[in-house]
Amino acid sequence: MTAITKDSKIGEILDAHRDCSKFFLAMGMHCLGCPSARSESVAQACAVHGVDCDSLVNAINEYLASKND
């Protein structure tokens, strides 16, 4: 998977990087396995949970980049 964007689907992120679940759990998104959550984009999830999308996307991408170092 390439860099995460606001349009990335949560299910696709978690399929490629299960350890990224911690970012979604930290923002209060505890239903990561349900079909509606898996099909949401990062932007949609952030809007529902009141999280700054740019900050979350940056944090996830920085985390993934650090794993590849």
Protein backbone atom coordinates (compact mmCIF):
# COMPACT_ATOMS: atom_id res chain seq x y z
CA MET A 1 0.00 0.00 0.00
CA THR A 2 1.23 3.47 -0.85
CA ALA A 3 0.91 6.50 1.40
CA ILE A 4 -2.31 6.86 3.35
CA THR A 5 -4.59 9.70 2.24
CA LYS A 6 -7.86 11.18 3.46
CA ASP A 7 -9.61 9.02 0.86
CA SER A 8 -8.00 5.74 1.94
CA LYS A 9 -10.52 3.19 3.17
CA ILE A 10 -10.02 2.06 6.75
CA GLY A 11 -10.47 -1.58 5.81
CA GLU A 12 -7.73 -1.37 3.19
CA ILE A 13 -5.37 0.30 5.66
CA LEU A 14 -5.99 -2.36 8.29
CA ASP A 15 -5.66 -5.21 5.79
CA ALA A 16 -2.22 -3.93 4.81
CA HIS A 17 -1.12 -2.69 8.25
CA ARG A 18 -3.02 -4.29 11.13
CA ASP A 19 -0.87 -2.42 13.64
CA CYS A 20 -2.42 0.87 12.47
CA SER A 21 -5.55 -0.08 14.36
CA LYS A 22 -4.06 1.71 17.37
CA PHE A 23 -4.54 5.07 15.64
CA PHE A 24 -8.24 4.44 15.07
CA LEU A 25 -8.80 2.97 18.52
CA ALA A 26 -7.13 6.03 20.08
CA MET A 27 -9.63 8.33 18.37
CA GLY A 28 -12.55 6.34 19.78
CA MET A 29 -13.29 4.20 16.76
CA HIS A 30 -13.84 0.84 18.41
CA CYS A 31 -15.87 -0.90 15.71
CA LEU A 32 -13.00 -1.58 13.31
CA GLY A 33 -14.36 -4.94 12.21
CA CYS A 34 -17.87 -3.86 11.23
CA PRO A 35 -18.58 -3.49 7.50
CA SER A 36 -19.57 0.17 7.68
CA ALA A 37 -16.37 1.16 9.51
CA ARG A 38 -14.19 -0.82 7.11
CA SER A 39 -15.70 0.94 4.12
CA GLU A 40 -15.35 4.46 5.56
CA SER A 41 -12.59 6.73 4.35
CA VAL A 42 -10.19 8.23 6.86
CA ALA A 43 -11.86 11.62 6.28
CA GLN A 44 -15.32 10.22 7.04
CA ALA A 45 -14.13 8.55 10.24
CA CYS A 46 -12.38 11.73 11.37
CA ALA A 47 -15.52 13.80 10.74
CA VAL A 48 -17.65 11.43 12.81
CA HIS A 49 -15.14 11.25 15.66
CA GLY A 50 -14.09 14.91 15.70
CA VAL A 51 -10.47 14.28 14.79
CA ASP A 52 -8.23 16.48 12.63
CA CYS A 53 -7.83 14.40 9.48
CA ASP A 54 -4.54 15.94 8.34
CA SER A 55 -2.94 15.20 11.71
CA LEU A 56 -4.11 11.59 11.67
CA VAL A 57 -2.98 10.99 8.08
CA ASN A 58 0.42 12.52 8.87
CA ALA A 59 0.80 10.44 12.04
CA ILE A 60 -0.03 7.20 10.24
CA ASN A 61 2.30 7.96 7.34
CA GLU A 62 5.13 8.91 9.71
CA TYR A 63 4.60 5.68 11.62
CA LEU A 64 4.64 3.60 8.45
CA ALA A 65 7.77 5.39 7.19
CA SER A 66 9.55 4.71 10.50
CA LYS A 67 8.83 0.99 10.10
CA ASN A 68 10.57 0.99 6.72
CA ASP A 69 13.76 2.63 7.99
